[in-house]
């Protein structure tokens, strides 16, 4: 599953920052609910770190998690600005804008 950015024109994996009072795992669960409207259980250890440049924050570091989705929400915080897309691994790799996210998918699941 991938989701769009806030402009709905770029497909990406759910991601975001973490608050000082939460763990990386808690942040991953929260961001996935906020951006993609799904809940589930994180599977295995975190992947990464992955480095990338952000227009807003400069150099950033991200960790990614695999989530077994257990619930798809009809309403979620960013539904009005994002689109949730269920797709094959091949489509996710081909559609995802950021190369570092494609690397995450390839490293974990192999080439599509």
PDB file of N, CA and C in Angstrom:
ATOM      1  N   UNK A   1       0.837  -1.158   0.000  1.00  0.00           N
ATOM      2  CA  UNK A   1       0.000   0.000   0.000  1.00  0.00           C
ATOM      3  C   UNK A   1       0.892   1.234   0.000  1.00  0.00           C
ATOM      4  N   UNK A   2       0.524   2.177  -0.843  1.00  0.00           N
ATOM      5  CA  UNK A   2       1.207   3.459  -0.885  1.00  0.00           C
ATOM      6  C   UNK A   2       0.141   4.548  -0.792  1.00  0.00           C
ATOM      7  N   UNK A   3       0.571   5.753  -0.507  1.00  0.00           N
ATOM      8  CA  UNK A   3      -0.380   6.859  -0.439  1.00  0.00           C
ATOM      9  C   UNK A   3       0.212   8.047  -1.181  1.00  0.00           C
ATOM     10  N   UNK A   4      -0.633   9.025  -1.421  1.00  0.00           N
ATOM     11  CA  UNK A   4      -0.158  10.203  -2.131  1.00  0.00           C
ATOM     12  C   UNK A   4       0.416  11.214  -1.145  1.00  0.00           C
ATOM     13  N   UNK A   5       1.161  12.162  -1.709  1.00  0.00           N
ATOM     14  CA  UNK A   5       1.571  13.297  -0.881  1.00  0.00           C
ATOM     15  C   UNK A   5       0.361  14.210  -0.716  1.00  0.00           C
ATOM     16  N   UNK A   6       0.525  15.307  -0.029  1.00  0.00           N
ATOM     17  CA  UNK A   6      -0.623  16.180   0.239  1.00  0.00           C
ATOM     18  C   UNK A   6      -1.193  16.825  -1.016  1.00  0.00           C
ATOM     19  N   UNK A   7      -0.432  16.882  -2.095  1.00  0.00           N
ATOM     20  CA  UNK A   7      -0.944  17.432  -3.349  1.00  0.00           C
ATOM     21  C   UNK A   7      -1.640  16.371  -4.194  1.00  0.00           C
ATOM     22  N   UNK A   8      -1.587  15.111  -3.744  1.00  0.00           N
ATOM     23  CA  UNK A   8      -2.195  13.965  -4.430  1.00  0.00           C
ATOM     24  C   UNK A   8      -1.541  13.648  -5.773  1.00  0.00           C
ATOM     25  N   UNK A   9      -0.390  14.229  -6.060  1.00  0.00           N
ATOM     26  CA  UNK A   9       0.232  13.996  -7.360  1.00  0.00           C
ATOM     27  C   UNK A   9       1.491  13.146  -7.287  1.00  0.00           C
ATOM     28  N   UNK A  10       1.907  12.751  -6.091  1.00  0.00           N
ATOM     29  CA  UNK A  10       3.107  11.932  -5.920  1.00  0.00           C
ATOM     30  C   UNK A  10       2.754  10.767  -5.005  1.00  0.00           C
ATOM     31  N   UNK A  11       3.082   9.544  -5.424  1.00  0.00           N
ATOM     32  CA  UNK A  11       2.846   8.386  -4.570  1.00  0.00           C
ATOM     33  C   UNK A  11       4.091   8.099  -3.759  1.00  0.00           C
ATOM     34  N   UNK A  12       3.877   7.733  -2.506  1.00  0.00           N
ATOM     35  CA  UNK A  12       4.970   7.580  -1.558  1.00  0.00           C
ATOM     36  C   UNK A  12       4.573   6.585  -0.472  1.00  0.00           C
ATOM     37  N   UNK A  13       5.525   6.103   0.275  1.00  0.00           N
ATOM     38  CA  UNK A  13       5.231   5.307   1.460  1.00  0.00           C
ATOM     39  C   UNK A  13       4.895   6.255   2.603  1.00  0.00           C
ATOM     40  N   UNK A  14       3.973   5.888   3.480  1.00  0.00           N
ATOM     41  CA  UNK A  14       3.695   6.751   4.628  1.00  0.00           C
ATOM     42  C   UNK A  14       4.959   6.981   5.450  1.00  0.00           C
ATOM     43  N   UNK A  15       5.197   8.212   5.827  1.00  0.00           N
ATOM     44  CA  UNK A  15       6.372   8.545   6.633  1.00  0.00           C
ATOM     45  C   UNK A  15       6.127   9.863   7.346  1.00  0.00           C
ATOM     46  N   UNK A  16       6.979  10.176   8.268  1.00  0.00           N
ATOM     47  CA  UNK A  16       6.868  11.451   8.960  1.00  0.00           C
ATOM     48  C   UNK A  16       7.813  11.486  10.145  1.00  0.00           C
ATOM     49  N   UNK A  17       7.785  12.584  10.841  1.00  0.00           N
ATOM     50  CA  UNK A  17       8.657  12.752  11.993  1.00  0.00           C
ATOM     51  C   UNK A  17       8.100  12.091  13.233  1.00  0.00           C
ATOM     52  N   UNK A  18       8.958  11.997  14.245  1.00  0.00           N
ATOM     53  CA  UNK A  18       8.482  11.448  15.506  1.00  0.00           C
ATOM     54  C   UNK A  18       8.630  12.499  16.585  1.00  0.00           C
ATOM     55  N   UNK A  19       7.695  12.465  17.500  1.00  0.00           N
ATOM     56  CA  UNK A  19       7.661  13.413  18.603  1.00  0.00           C
ATOM     57  C   UNK A  19       8.630  12.961  19.687  1.00  0.00           C
ATOM     58  N   UNK A  20       9.084  13.880  20.517  1.00  0.00           N
ATOM     59  CA  UNK A  20      10.049  13.552  21.564  1.00  0.00           C
ATOM     60  C   UNK A  20       9.515  12.537  22.566  1.00  0.00           C
ATOM     61  N   UNK A  21       8.195  12.501  22.736  1.00  0.00           N
ATOM     62  CA  UNK A  21       7.611  11.610  23.743  1.00  0.00           C
ATOM     63  C   UNK A  21       7.130  10.280  23.170  1.00  0.00           C
ATOM     64  N   UNK A  22       7.543   9.931  21.946  1.00  0.00           N
ATOM     65  CA  UNK A  22       7.108   8.665  21.370  1.00  0.00           C
ATOM     66  C   UNK A  22       8.291   7.893  20.805  1.00  0.00           C
ATOM     67  N   UNK A  23       8.126   6.588  20.721  1.00  0.00           N
ATOM     68  CA  UNK A  23       9.158   5.732  20.132  1.00  0.00           C
ATOM     69  C   UNK A  23       9.047   5.803  18.612  1.00  0.00           C
ATOM     70  N   UNK A  24      10.059   5.304  17.928  1.00  0.00           N
ATOM     71  CA  UNK A  24       9.998   5.218  16.466  1.00  0.00           C
ATOM     72  C   UNK A  24       8.811   4.363  16.038  1.00  0.00           C
ATOM     73  N   UNK A  25       8.586   3.284  16.766  1.00  0.00           N
ATOM     74  CA  UNK A  25       7.475   2.385  16.435  1.00  0.00           C
ATOM     75  C   UNK A  25       6.129   3.094  16.587  1.00  0.00           C
ATOM     76  N   UNK A  26       5.969   3.826  17.679  1.00  0.00           N
ATOM     77  CA  UNK A  26       4.729   4.578  17.891  1.00  0.00           C
ATOM     78  C   UNK A  26       4.530   5.611  16.784  1.00  0.00           C
ATOM     79  N   UNK A  27       5.605   6.269  16.376  1.00  0.00           N
ATOM     80  CA  UNK A  27       5.526   7.266  15.312  1.00  0.00           C
ATOM     81  C   UNK A  27       5.120   6.609  13.992  1.00  0.00           C
ATOM     82  N   UNK A  28       5.676   5.435  13.699  1.00  0.00           N
ATOM     83  CA  UNK A  28       5.329   4.730  12.462  1.00  0.00           C
ATOM     84  C   UNK A  28       3.844   4.382  12.428  1.00  0.00           C
ATOM     85  N   UNK A  29       3.325   3.889  13.534  1.00  0.00           N
ATOM     86  CA  UNK A  29       1.906   3.549  13.615  1.00  0.00           C
ATOM     87  C   UNK A  29       1.057   4.809  13.456  1.00  0.00           C
ATOM     88  N   UNK A  30       1.407   5.877  14.150  1.00  0.00           N
ATOM     89  CA  UNK A  30       0.649   7.129  14.080  1.00  0.00           C
ATOM     90  C   UNK A  30       0.655   7.707  12.670  1.00  0.00           C
ATOM     91  N   UNK A  31       1.826   7.778  12.043  1.00  0.00           N
ATOM     92  CA  UNK A  31       1.922   8.343  10.698  1.00  0.00           C
ATOM     93  C   UNK A  31       1.136   7.529   9.680  1.00  0.00           C
ATOM     94  N   UNK A  32       1.121   6.214   9.841  1.00  0.00           N
ATOM     95  CA  UNK A  32       0.382   5.366   8.912  1.00  0.00           C
ATOM     96  C   UNK A  32      -1.120   5.592   9.052  1.00  0.00           C
ATOM     97  N   UNK A  33      -1.577   5.775  10.272  1.00  0.00           N
ATOM     98  CA  UNK A  33      -2.991   6.111  10.481  1.00  0.00           C
ATOM     99  C   UNK A  33      -3.290   7.476   9.875  1.00  0.00           C
ATOM    100  N   UNK A  34      -2.468   8.474  10.173  1.00  0.00           N
ATOM    101  CA  UNK A  34      -2.708   9.841   9.703  1.00  0.00           C
ATOM    102  C   UNK A  34      -2.673   9.946   8.177  1.00  0.00           C
ATOM    103  N   UNK A  35      -1.681   9.325   7.547  1.00  0.00           N
ATOM    104  CA  UNK A  35      -1.471   9.506   6.113  1.00  0.00           C
ATOM    105  C   UNK A  35      -2.197   8.509   5.236  1.00  0.00           C
ATOM    106  N   UNK A  36      -2.383   7.278   5.708  1.00  0.00           N
ATOM    107  CA  UNK A  36      -2.962   6.238   4.855  1.00  0.00           C
ATOM    108  C   UNK A  36      -4.250   5.636   5.398  1.00  0.00           C
ATOM    109  N   UNK A  37      -4.583   5.938   6.639  1.00  0.00           N
ATOM    110  CA  UNK A  37      -5.834   5.444   7.187  1.00  0.00           C
ATOM    111  C   UNK A  37      -5.881   3.949   7.390  1.00  0.00           C
ATOM    112  N   UNK A  38      -4.765   3.375   7.810  1.00  0.00           N
ATOM    113  CA  UNK A  38      -4.751   1.946   8.139  1.00  0.00           C
ATOM    114  C   UNK A  38      -4.109   1.738   9.509  1.00  0.00           C
ATOM    115  N   UNK A  39      -4.559   0.677  10.161  1.00  0.00           N
ATOM    116  CA  UNK A  39      -3.973   0.268  11.438  1.00  0.00           C
ATOM    117  C   UNK A  39      -3.494  -1.158  11.290  1.00  0.00           C
ATOM    118  N   UNK A  40      -2.482  -1.482  12.059  1.00  0.00           N
ATOM    119  CA  UNK A  40      -1.987  -2.838  12.000  1.00  0.00           C
ATOM    120  C   UNK A  40      -0.848  -3.051  12.966  1.00  0.00           C
ATOM    121  N   UNK A  41      -0.182  -4.168  12.775  1.00  0.00           N
ATOM    122  CA  UNK A  41       0.920  -4.564  13.640  1.00  0.00           C
ATOM    123  C   UNK A  41       2.226  -4.485  12.871  1.00  0.00           C
ATOM    124  N   UNK A  42       3.219  -3.810  13.460  1.00  0.00           N
ATOM    125  CA  UNK A  42       4.532  -3.740  12.836  1.00  0.00           C
ATOM    126  C   UNK A  42       5.169  -5.122  12.857  1.00  0.00           C
ATOM    127  N   UNK A  43       5.816  -5.489  11.763  1.00  0.00           N
ATOM    128  CA  UNK A  43       6.425  -6.802  11.606  1.00  0.00           C
ATOM    129  C   UNK A  43       7.940  -6.676  11.538  1.00  0.00           C
ATOM    130  N   UNK A  44       8.626  -7.308  12.460  1.00  0.00           N
ATOM    131  CA  UNK A  44      10.081  -7.329  12.413  1.00  0.00           C
ATOM    132  C   UNK A  44      10.723  -6.023  12.828  1.00  0.00           C
ATOM    133  N   UNK A  45      12.053  -5.976  12.707  1.00  0.00           N
ATOM    134  CA  UNK A  45      12.794  -4.771  13.129  1.00  0.00           C
ATOM    135  C   UNK A  45      12.663  -3.652  12.101  1.00  0.00           C
ATOM    136  N   UNK A  46      13.043  -2.459  12.508  1.00  0.00           N
ATOM    137  CA  UNK A  46      13.026  -1.322  11.593  1.00  0.00           C
ATOM    138  C   UNK A  46      14.046  -1.527  10.485  1.00  0.00           C
ATOM    139  N   UNK A  47      13.783  -0.924   9.347  1.00  0.00           N
ATOM    140  CA  UNK A  47      14.684  -0.966   8.205  1.00  0.00           C
ATOM    141  C   UNK A  47      15.353   0.398   8.101  1.00  0.00           C
ATOM    142  N   UNK A  48      16.624   0.407   7.794  1.00  0.00           N
ATOM    143  CA  UNK A  48      17.303   1.695   7.649  1.00  0.00           C
ATOM    144  C   UNK A  48      18.445   1.823   8.631  1.00  0.00           C
ATOM    145  N   UNK A  49      18.977   2.997   8.735  1.00  0.00           N
ATOM    146  CA  UNK A  49      18.423   4.271   8.293  1.00  0.00           C
ATOM    147  C   UNK A  49      18.634   4.532   6.804  1.00  0.00           C
ATOM    148  N   UNK A  50      17.734   5.330   6.244  1.00  0.00           N
ATOM    149  CA  UNK A  50      17.801   5.804   4.873  1.00  0.00           C
ATOM    150  C   UNK A  50      17.949   7.318   4.927  1.00  0.00           C
ATOM    151  N   UNK A  51      18.918   7.839   4.202  1.00  0.00           N
ATOM    152  CA  UNK A  51      19.151   9.286   4.183  1.00  0.00           C
ATOM    153  C   UNK A  51      18.555   9.893   2.923  1.00  0.00           C
ATOM    154  N   UNK A  52      17.997  11.088   3.069  1.00  0.00           N
ATOM    155  CA  UNK A  52      17.436  11.794   1.931  1.00  0.00           C
ATOM    156  C   UNK A  52      17.427  13.285   2.236  1.00  0.00           C
ATOM    157  N   UNK A  53      17.219  14.086   1.204  1.00  0.00           N
ATOM    158  CA  UNK A  53      17.130  15.532   1.375  1.00  0.00           C
ATOM    159  C   UNK A  53      15.679  15.963   1.306  1.00  0.00           C
ATOM    160  N   UNK A  54      15.289  16.804   2.229  1.00  0.00           N
ATOM    161  CA  UNK A  54      13.946  17.361   2.284  1.00  0.00           C
ATOM    162  C   UNK A  54      14.022  18.840   1.958  1.00  0.00           C
ATOM    163  N   UNK A  55      13.067  19.324   1.153  1.00  0.00           N
ATOM    164  CA  UNK A  55      13.045  20.759   0.840  1.00  0.00           C
ATOM    165  C   UNK A  55      12.885  21.590   2.102  1.00  0.00           C
ATOM    166  N   UNK A  56      12.103  21.084   3.032  1.00  0.00           N
ATOM    167  CA  UNK A  56      11.793  21.843   4.245  1.00  0.00           C
ATOM    168  C   UNK A  56      12.864  21.694   5.321  1.00  0.00           C
ATOM    169  N   UNK A  57      13.409  20.472   5.481  1.00  0.00           N
ATOM    170  CA  UNK A  57      14.288  20.205   6.625  1.00  0.00           C
ATOM    171  C   UNK A  57      15.740  19.939   6.268  1.00  0.00           C
ATOM    172  N   UNK A  58      16.082  19.895   4.990  1.00  0.00           N
ATOM    173  CA  UNK A  58      17.462  19.580   4.608  1.00  0.00           C
ATOM    174  C   UNK A  58      17.720  18.086   4.705  1.00  0.00           C
ATOM    175  N   UNK A  59      18.903  17.715   5.225  1.00  0.00           N
ATOM    176  CA  UNK A  59      19.271  16.309   5.314  1.00  0.00           C
ATOM    177  C   UNK A  59      18.443  15.613   6.393  1.00  0.00           C
ATOM    178  N   UNK A  60      17.816  14.501   6.020  1.00  0.00           N
ATOM    179  CA  UNK A  60      16.958  13.745   6.938  1.00  0.00           C
ATOM    180  C   UNK A  60      17.371  12.277   6.971  1.00  0.00           C
ATOM    181  N   UNK A  61      16.944  11.626   8.019  1.00  0.00           N
ATOM    182  CA  UNK A  61      17.192  10.194   8.186  1.00  0.00           C
ATOM    183  C   UNK A  61      15.840   9.544   8.471  1.00  0.00           C
ATOM    184  N   UNK A  62      15.556   8.441   7.779  1.00  0.00           N
ATOM    185  CA  UNK A  62      14.280   7.750   7.973  1.00  0.00           C
ATOM    186  C   UNK A  62      14.513   6.278   8.282  1.00  0.00           C
ATOM    187  N   UNK A  63      13.625   5.756   9.079  1.00  0.00           N
ATOM    188  CA  UNK A  63      13.535   4.321   9.325  1.00  0.00           C
ATOM    189  C   UNK A  63      12.169   3.886   8.831  1.00  0.00           C
ATOM    190  N   UNK A  64      12.092   2.706   8.255  1.00  0.00           N
ATOM    191  CA  UNK A  64      10.817   2.212   7.741  1.00  0.00           C
ATOM    192  C   UNK A  64      10.483   0.888   8.433  1.00  0.00           C
ATOM    193  N   UNK A  65       9.216   0.597   8.474  1.00  0.00           N
ATOM    194  CA  UNK A  65       8.713  -0.635   9.080  1.00  0.00           C
ATOM    195  C   UNK A  65       7.755  -1.314   8.119  1.00  0.00           C
ATOM    196  N   UNK A  66       7.697  -2.614   8.219  1.00  0.00           N
ATOM    197  CA  UNK A  66       6.685  -3.394   7.513  1.00  0.00           C
ATOM    198  C   UNK A  66       5.500  -3.511   8.467  1.00  0.00           C
ATOM    199  N   UNK A  67       4.294  -3.289   7.948  1.00  0.00           N
ATOM    200  CA  UNK A  67       3.104  -3.383   8.785  1.00  0.00           C
ATOM    201  C   UNK A  67       2.137  -4.388   8.185  1.00  0.00           C
ATOM    202  N   UNK A  68       1.653  -5.289   9.017  1.00  0.00           N
ATOM    203  CA  UNK A  68       0.564  -6.176   8.627  1.00  0.00           C
ATOM    204  C   UNK A  68      -0.725  -5.406   8.913  1.00  0.00           C
ATOM    205  N   UNK A  69      -1.408  -4.992   7.851  1.00  0.00           N
ATOM    206  CA  UNK A  69      -2.609  -4.172   8.008  1.00  0.00           C
ATOM    207  C   UNK A  69      -3.749  -5.041   8.524  1.00  0.00           C
ATOM    208  N   UNK A  70      -4.362  -4.558   9.595  1.00  0.00           N
ATOM    209  CA  UNK A  70      -5.478  -5.269  10.219  1.00  0.00           C
ATOM    210  C   UNK A  70      -6.796  -4.524  10.092  1.00  0.00           C
ATOM    211  N   UNK A  71      -6.714  -3.217   9.814  1.00  0.00           N
ATOM    212  CA  UNK A  71      -7.934  -2.424   9.704  1.00  0.00           C
ATOM    213  C   UNK A  71      -7.725  -1.282   8.719  1.00  0.00           C
ATOM    214  N   UNK A  72      -8.670  -1.144   7.807  1.00  0.00           N
ATOM    215  CA  UNK A  72      -8.669  -0.049   6.844  1.00  0.00           C
ATOM    216  C   UNK A  72      -9.768   0.923   7.259  1.00  0.00           C
ATOM    217  N   UNK A  73      -9.377   2.141   7.611  1.00  0.00           N
ATOM    218  CA  UNK A  73     -10.323   3.128   8.124  1.00  0.00           C
ATOM    219  C   UNK A  73     -11.059   3.826   6.989  1.00  0.00           C
ATOM    220  N   UNK A  74     -12.347   4.096   7.191  1.00  0.00           N
ATOM    221  CA  UNK A  74     -13.115   4.864   6.212  1.00  0.00           C
ATOM    222  C   UNK A  74     -12.788   6.350   6.312  1.00  0.00           C
ATOM    223  N   UNK A  75     -12.478   6.795   7.504  1.00  0.00           N
ATOM    224  CA  UNK A  75     -12.100   8.190   7.741  1.00  0.00           C
ATOM    225  C   UNK A  75     -10.757   8.199   8.458  1.00  0.00           C
ATOM    226  N   UNK A  76      -9.887   9.133   8.069  1.00  0.00           N
ATOM    227  CA  UNK A  76      -8.605   9.289   8.753  1.00  0.00           C
ATOM    228  C   UNK A  76      -8.184  10.754   8.644  1.00  0.00           C
ATOM    229  N   UNK A  77      -7.243  11.175   9.491  1.00  0.00           N
ATOM    230  CA  UNK A  77      -6.917  12.602   9.597  1.00  0.00           C
ATOM    231  C   UNK A  77      -6.580  13.311   8.286  1.00  0.00           C
ATOM    232  N   UNK A  78      -5.883  12.655   7.363  1.00  0.00           N
ATOM    233  CA  UNK A  78      -5.460  13.340   6.140  1.00  0.00           C
ATOM    234  C   UNK A  78      -6.184  12.842   4.891  1.00  0.00           C
ATOM    235  N   UNK A  79      -7.354  12.239   5.090  1.00  0.00           N
ATOM    236  CA  UNK A  79      -8.119  11.710   3.957  1.00  0.00           C
ATOM    237  C   UNK A  79      -8.425  12.783   2.919  1.00  0.00           C
ATOM    238  N   UNK A  80      -8.691  13.985   3.373  1.00  0.00           N
ATOM    239  CA  UNK A  80      -9.057  15.068   2.457  1.00  0.00           C
ATOM    240  C   UNK A  80      -7.896  15.565   1.607  1.00  0.00           C
ATOM    241  N   UNK A  81      -6.654  15.176   1.951  1.00  0.00           N
ATOM    242  CA  UNK A  81      -5.495  15.633   1.174  1.00  0.00           C
ATOM    243  C   UNK A  81      -4.633  14.494   0.627  1.00  0.00           C
ATOM    244  N   UNK A  82      -4.973  13.247   0.942  1.00  0.00           N
ATOM    245  CA  UNK A  82      -4.175  12.100   0.470  1.00  0.00           C
ATOM    246  C   UNK A  82      -5.080  11.013  -0.093  1.00  0.00           C
ATOM    247  N   UNK A  83      -4.488  10.181  -0.948  1.00  0.00           N
ATOM    248  CA  UNK A  83      -5.185   9.044  -1.519  1.00  0.00           C
ATOM    249  C   UNK A  83      -4.435   7.779  -1.114  1.00  0.00           C
ATOM    250  N   UNK A  84      -5.169   6.768  -0.668  1.00  0.00           N
ATOM    251  CA  UNK A  84      -4.579   5.471  -0.318  1.00  0.00           C
ATOM    252  C   UNK A  84      -4.683   4.581  -1.555  1.00  0.00           C
ATOM    253  N   UNK A  85      -3.588   3.899  -1.907  1.00  0.00           N
ATOM    254  CA  UNK A  85      -3.561   3.057  -3.105  1.00  0.00           C
ATOM    255  C   UNK A  85      -3.048   1.668  -2.737  1.00  0.00           C
ATOM    256  N   UNK A  86      -3.875   0.659  -2.954  1.00  0.00           N
ATOM    257  CA  UNK A  86      -3.440  -0.732  -2.793  1.00  0.00           C
ATOM    258  C   UNK A  86      -2.943  -1.194  -4.154  1.00  0.00           C
ATOM    259  N   UNK A  87      -1.749  -1.753  -4.189  1.00  0.00           N
ATOM    260  CA  UNK A  87      -1.174  -2.131  -5.479  1.00  0.00           C
ATOM    261  C   UNK A  87      -0.152  -3.244  -5.316  1.00  0.00           C
ATOM    262  N   UNK A  88       0.298  -3.738  -6.437  1.00  0.00           N
ATOM    263  CA  UNK A  88       1.340  -4.768  -6.447  1.00  0.00           C
ATOM    264  C   UNK A  88       2.683  -4.146  -6.078  1.00  0.00           C
ATOM    265  N   UNK A  89       3.625  -4.997  -5.714  1.00  0.00           N
ATOM    266  CA  UNK A  89       4.982  -4.529  -5.425  1.00  0.00           C
ATOM    267  C   UNK A  89       5.567  -3.810  -6.639  1.00  0.00           C
ATOM    268  N   UNK A  90       5.373  -4.384  -7.817  1.00  0.00           N
ATOM    269  CA  UNK A  90       5.905  -3.771  -9.036  1.00  0.00           C
ATOM    270  C   UNK A  90       5.352  -2.355  -9.229  1.00  0.00           C
ATOM    271  N   UNK A  91       4.048  -2.193  -9.047  1.00  0.00           N
ATOM    272  CA  UNK A  91       3.465  -0.858  -9.210  1.00  0.00           C
ATOM    273  C   UNK A  91       3.974   0.088  -8.134  1.00  0.00           C
ATOM    274  N   UNK A  92       4.126  -0.403  -6.905  1.00  0.00           N
ATOM    275  CA  UNK A  92       4.638   0.452  -5.829  1.00  0.00           C
ATOM    276  C   UNK A  92       6.044   0.950  -6.162  1.00  0.00           C
ATOM    277  N   UNK A  93       6.898   0.051  -6.615  1.00  0.00           N
ATOM    278  CA  UNK A  93       8.266   0.436  -6.962  1.00  0.00           C
ATOM    279  C   UNK A  93       8.265   1.420  -8.130  1.00  0.00           C
ATOM    280  N   UNK A  94       7.468   1.131  -9.146  1.00  0.00           N
ATOM    281  CA  UNK A  94       7.434   2.002 -10.323  1.00  0.00           C
ATOM    282  C   UNK A  94       6.748   3.341 -10.060  1.00  0.00           C
ATOM    283  N   UNK A  95       5.817   3.383  -9.130  1.00  0.00           N
ATOM    284  CA  UNK A  95       5.036   4.598  -8.878  1.00  0.00           C
ATOM    285  C   UNK A  95       5.640   5.513  -7.828  1.00  0.00           C
ATOM    286  N   UNK A  96       6.403   4.946  -6.919  1.00  0.00           N
ATOM    287  CA  UNK A  96       6.955   5.723  -5.816  1.00  0.00           C
ATOM    288  C   UNK A  96       7.979   6.720  -6.360  1.00  0.00           C
ATOM    289  N   UNK A  97       7.832   7.979  -6.001  1.00  0.00           N
ATOM    290  CA  UNK A  97       8.687   9.033  -6.559  1.00  0.00           C
ATOM    291  C   UNK A  97      10.123   8.965  -6.054  1.00  0.00           C
ATOM    292  N   UNK A  98      10.304   8.673  -4.789  1.00  0.00           N
ATOM    293  CA  UNK A  98      11.626   8.803  -4.178  1.00  0.00           C
ATOM    294  C   UNK A  98      12.425   7.518  -4.293  1.00  0.00           C
ATOM    295  N   UNK A  99      13.641   7.639  -4.812  1.00  0.00           N
ATOM    296  CA  UNK A  99      14.509   6.471  -5.030  1.00  0.00           C
ATOM    297  C   UNK A  99      14.804   5.737  -3.729  1.00  0.00           C
ATOM    298  N   UNK A 100      14.988   6.460  -2.631  1.00  0.00           N
ATOM    299  CA  UNK A 100      15.306   5.782  -1.368  1.00  0.00           C
ATOM    300  C   UNK A 100      14.146   4.896  -0.919  1.00  0.00           C
ATOM    301  N   UNK A 101      12.915   5.279  -1.227  1.00  0.00           N
ATOM    302  CA  UNK A 101      11.773   4.431  -0.877  1.00  0.00           C
ATOM    303  C   UNK A 101      11.715   3.197  -1.770  1.00  0.00           C
ATOM    304  N   UNK A 102      12.082   3.371  -3.035  1.00  0.00           N
ATOM    305  CA  UNK A 102      12.165   2.217  -3.925  1.00  0.00           C
ATOM    306  C   UNK A 102      13.211   1.231  -3.403  1.00  0.00           C
ATOM    307  N   UNK A 103      14.325   1.771  -2.880  1.00  0.00           N
ATOM    308  CA  UNK A 103      15.369   0.921  -2.299  1.00  0.00           C
ATOM    309  C   UNK A 103      14.825   0.117  -1.110  1.00  0.00           C
ATOM    310  N   UNK A 104      14.004   0.739  -0.283  1.00  0.00           N
ATOM    311  CA  UNK A 104      13.397   0.037   0.850  1.00  0.00           C
ATOM    312  C   UNK A 104      12.595  -1.154   0.346  1.00  0.00           C
ATOM    313  N   UNK A 105      11.761  -0.930  -0.651  1.00  0.00           N
ATOM    314  CA  UNK A 105      10.917  -2.000  -1.200  1.00  0.00           C
ATOM    315  C   UNK A 105      11.755  -3.109  -1.826  1.00  0.00           C
ATOM    316  N   UNK A 106      12.768  -2.718  -2.597  1.00  0.00           N
ATOM    317  CA  UNK A 106      13.624  -3.732  -3.229  1.00  0.00           C
ATOM    318  C   UNK A 106      14.421  -4.529  -2.200  1.00  0.00           C
ATOM    319  N   UNK A 107      14.946  -3.842  -1.179  1.00  0.00           N
ATOM    320  CA  UNK A 107      15.767  -4.511  -0.160  1.00  0.00           C
ATOM    321  C   UNK A 107      14.942  -5.520   0.620  1.00  0.00           C
ATOM    322  N   UNK A 108      13.716  -5.188   0.926  1.00  0.00           N
ATOM    323  CA  UNK A 108      12.886  -6.062   1.726  1.00  0.00           C
ATOM    324  C   UNK A 108      12.203  -7.147   0.923  1.00  0.00           C
ATOM    325  N   UNK A 109      11.755  -6.810  -0.287  1.00  0.00           N
ATOM    326  CA  UNK A 109      10.932  -7.745  -1.063  1.00  0.00           C
ATOM    327  C   UNK A 109      11.551  -8.186  -2.366  1.00  0.00           C
ATOM    328  N   UNK A 110      12.685  -7.624  -2.763  1.00  0.00           N
ATOM    329  CA  UNK A 110      13.322  -7.991  -4.019  1.00  0.00           C
ATOM    330  C   UNK A 110      12.718  -7.238  -5.191  1.00  0.00           C
ATOM    331  N   UNK A 111      13.264  -7.449  -6.351  1.00  0.00           N
ATOM    332  CA  UNK A 111      12.740  -6.812  -7.566  1.00  0.00           C
ATOM    333  C   UNK A 111      11.374  -7.383  -7.887  1.00  0.00           C
ATOM    334  N   UNK A 112      10.547  -6.542  -8.411  1.00  0.00           N
ATOM    335  CA  UNK A 112       9.190  -6.989  -8.790  1.00  0.00           C
ATOM    336  C   UNK A 112       9.230  -7.585 -10.179  1.00  0.00           C
TER     337      UNK A 112
END
